[in-house]
Amino acid sequence: MTRRTFPFARRAQGFTLLEVLVALLVLGVGLLGFALLQTMNVRFVQSSNYRTQATNLAYDLIDLMRVQRVATLEGGSYTGASFAAGAVTPPAGACTWPTGAAVTQAQNIARWQCQVVKTLGEKASANVSLTNGIVTVGISWGDQRWDKANPDSTTTFTLVTRL
């Protein structure tokens, strides 16, 4: 039995250092891209969470207005729920629901404002209007932490409904 040798057999015995370096470079670029993707994902999830919280808070106020529909339509005191950024200072503890036999609109408004500021931060503000049974609740908050060009911009969620 004779052994056949091929002229290129000696070259095909393993990887060269250059091939290994190119493979590591490609892998490194891919991993850096994946890390950037994860960073952006965290930012967008936080933004989505704030938007969901603002939606829930707006619906919460609308539900409070519907519970006291007659008083709301006659007196319109829930429009007093509007506040500017930095105007509401929440307590150190949790924003508690008012209790007792006669819960007033002012107590509900104070609790709601406290929840808005605690949930969305110090830059949060709200604008509530009631015109001919149409309620508009606008909630704004600072959501541009990563935007170095415009760090003071705000995001606004607006809900319009009929009582």
Protein backbone atom coordinates (compact mmCIF):
# COMPACT_ATOMS: atom_id res chain seq x y z
CA MET A 1 0.00 0.00 0.00
CA THR A 2 1.41 3.28 -1.00
CA ARG A 3 0.55 6.54 0.56
CA ARG A 4 -0.62 9.25 -1.77
CA THR A 5 0.30 12.79 -0.90
CA PHE A 6 -1.42 15.82 -2.24
CA PRO A 7 0.50 18.98 -3.03
CA PHE A 8 -1.93 21.24 -1.07
CA ALA A 9 -2.28 18.99 1.97
CA ARG A 10 0.35 20.84 3.90
CA ARG A 11 -1.44 24.22 3.55
CA ALA A 12 -4.85 22.94 4.71
CA GLN A 13 -3.75 21.75 8.12
CA GLY A 14 -5.18 24.63 10.22
CA PHE A 15 -6.17 28.27 10.53
CA THR A 16 -3.73 31.05 10.10
CA LEU A 17 -3.42 33.86 12.61
CA LEU A 18 -4.92 36.29 10.12
CA GLU A 19 -8.07 34.21 9.72
CA VAL A 20 -8.51 34.03 13.49
CA LEU A 21 -8.11 37.81 13.83
CA VAL A 22 -10.69 38.48 11.09
CA ALA A 23 -13.14 36.09 12.78
CA LEU A 24 -12.63 37.85 16.13
CA LEU A 25 -13.15 41.24 14.48
CA VAL A 26 -16.44 40.14 12.91
CA LEU A 27 -17.58 38.63 16.22
CA GLY A 28 -16.62 41.81 18.11
CA VAL A 29 -18.55 44.07 15.74
CA GLY A 30 -21.59 41.80 16.05
CA LEU A 31 -21.44 41.84 19.85
CA LEU A 32 -21.08 45.63 19.95
CA GLY A 33 -24.14 45.96 17.71
CA PHE A 34 -26.08 43.64 19.99
CA ALA A 35 -25.05 45.68 23.07
CA LEU A 36 -26.25 48.89 21.38
CA LEU A 37 -29.53 47.20 20.50
CA GLN A 38 -30.04 46.17 24.12
CA THR A 39 -29.29 49.70 25.37
CA MET A 40 -31.82 51.23 22.99
CA ASN A 41 -34.35 48.56 23.98
CA VAL A 42 -34.06 49.50 27.67
CA ARG A 43 -34.67 53.16 26.82
CA PHE A 44 -37.72 52.41 24.70
CA VAL A 45 -39.16 50.07 27.33
CA GLN A 46 -38.83 52.83 29.95
CA SER A 47 -40.55 55.28 27.60
CA SER A 48 -43.32 52.76 26.94
CA ASN A 49 -43.77 52.24 30.68
CA TYR A 50 -44.21 55.99 31.24
CA ARG A 51 -46.73 56.17 28.41
CA THR A 52 -48.69 53.26 29.90
CA GLN A 53 -48.66 54.88 33.34
CA ALA A 54 -49.89 58.19 31.88
CA THR A 55 -52.70 56.34 30.10
CA ASN A 56 -53.75 54.62 33.32
CA LEU A 57 -53.64 57.89 35.27
CA ALA A 58 -55.77 59.70 32.69
CA TYR A 59 -58.37 56.92 32.74
CA ASP A 60 -58.27 56.97 36.55
CA LEU A 61 -59.25 60.66 36.60
CA ILE A 62 -61.97 60.11 33.99
CA ASP A 63 -63.40 57.28 36.11
CA LEU A 64 -63.41 59.51 39.18
CA MET A 65 -65.29 62.14 37.18
CA ARG A 66 -67.82 59.55 35.99
CA VAL A 67 -68.44 58.35 39.54
CA GLN A 68 -69.35 61.92 40.52
CA ARG A 69 -70.87 62.78 37.12
CA VAL A 70 -73.60 65.14 38.30
CA ALA A 71 -71.30 67.13 40.58
CA THR A 72 -68.64 67.21 37.88
CA LEU A 73 -70.97 68.49 35.16
CA GLU A 74 -72.61 71.06 37.45
CA GLY A 75 -69.54 72.33 39.28
CA GLY A 76 -66.70 71.33 37.03
CA SER A 77 -64.28 71.30 39.95
CA TYR A 78 -62.25 68.46 38.45
CA THR A 79 -60.76 71.03 36.10
CA GLY A 80 -58.85 72.05 39.23
CA ALA A 81 -56.80 68.89 38.72
CA SER A 82 -54.63 70.84 36.27
CA PHE A 83 -51.18 71.68 37.56
CA ALA A 84 -47.85 72.88 36.22
CA ALA A 85 -44.54 71.05 36.46
CA GLY A 86 -43.09 71.42 39.94
CA ALA A 87 -46.36 72.74 41.43
CA VAL A 88 -47.24 69.54 43.30
CA THR A 89 -44.99 68.18 46.02
CA PRO A 90 -46.00 64.63 46.91
CA PRO A 91 -45.65 63.35 50.49
CA ALA A 92 -42.79 61.06 51.47
CA GLY A 93 -45.08 58.03 51.72
CA ALA A 94 -47.56 56.61 49.28
CA CYS A 95 -50.42 58.59 47.77
CA THR A 96 -53.34 57.18 49.73
CA TRP A 97 -56.96 56.98 48.70
CA PRO A 98 -59.23 59.23 50.75
CA THR A 99 -61.57 57.35 53.07
CA GLY A 100 -64.74 58.22 54.90
CA ALA A 101 -68.42 58.65 54.24
CA ALA A 102 -68.12 61.76 52.09
CA VAL A 103 -65.06 61.81 49.85
CA THR A 104 -64.77 65.18 48.15
CA GLN A 105 -63.56 66.03 44.69
CA ALA A 106 -60.70 68.00 46.24
CA GLN A 107 -59.46 64.87 48.05
CA ASN A 108 -59.64 62.83 44.86
CA ILE A 109 -57.79 65.55 42.94
CA ALA A 110 -55.02 65.78 45.56
CA ARG A 111 -54.50 62.00 45.50
CA TRP A 112 -54.50 61.92 41.68
CA GLN A 113 -52.00 64.78 41.41
CA CYS A 114 -49.77 63.02 43.94
CA GLN A 115 -49.87 59.83 41.88
CA VAL A 116 -49.03 61.67 38.65
CA VAL A 117 -45.94 63.29 40.16
CA LYS A 118 -44.78 60.14 41.98
CA THR A 119 -45.24 57.99 38.88
CA LEU A 120 -43.95 60.29 36.12
CA GLY A 121 -41.43 62.43 38.00
CA GLU A 122 -40.97 66.06 39.00
CA LYS A 123 -41.38 67.39 35.45
CA ALA A 124 -44.91 65.97 35.25
CA SER A 125 -47.84 68.32 34.67
CA ALA A 126 -51.50 67.95 33.81
CA ASN A 127 -54.16 69.94 31.98
CA VAL A 128 -57.81 69.03 32.56
CA SER A 129 -60.69 70.76 30.79
CA LEU A 130 -64.45 70.16 30.69
CA THR A 131 -66.55 71.72 27.93
CA ASN A 132 -70.17 70.70 27.23
CA GLY A 133 -69.64 67.24 28.70
CA ILE A 134 -66.39 66.64 26.76
CA VAL A 135 -63.42 66.03 29.04
CA THR A 136 -59.83 66.47 27.91
CA VAL A 137 -57.04 65.18 30.15
CA GLY A 138 -53.49 65.95 29.04
CA ILE A 139 -50.55 64.62 31.03
CA SER A 140 -46.99 65.73 30.23
CA TRP A 141 -43.71 64.37 31.60
CA GLY A 142 -40.00 64.59 30.89
CA ASP A 143 -39.14 61.54 28.82
CA GLN A 144 -36.10 62.61 26.81
CA ARG A 145 -33.26 61.68 29.16
CA TRP A 146 -31.10 60.32 26.35
CA ASP A 147 -31.65 63.26 23.96
CA LYS A 148 -28.58 65.43 24.57
CA ALA A 149 -29.72 68.02 22.01
CA ASN A 150 -33.05 68.69 23.77
CA PRO A 151 -32.99 67.32 27.34
CA ASP A 152 -35.86 69.52 28.60
CA SER A 153 -38.46 68.35 26.09
CA THR A 154 -41.62 66.68 27.34
CA THR A 155 -43.93 63.96 26.09
CA THR A 156 -47.69 64.50 26.32
CA PHE A 157 -50.53 61.98 26.42
CA THR A 158 -54.00 63.42 25.79
CA LEU A 159 -57.29 61.63 26.38
CA VAL A 160 -60.59 63.08 25.13
CA THR A 161 -63.92 61.52 26.11
CA ARG A 162 -67.56 62.36 26.78
CA LEU A 163 -68.92 62.01 30.32
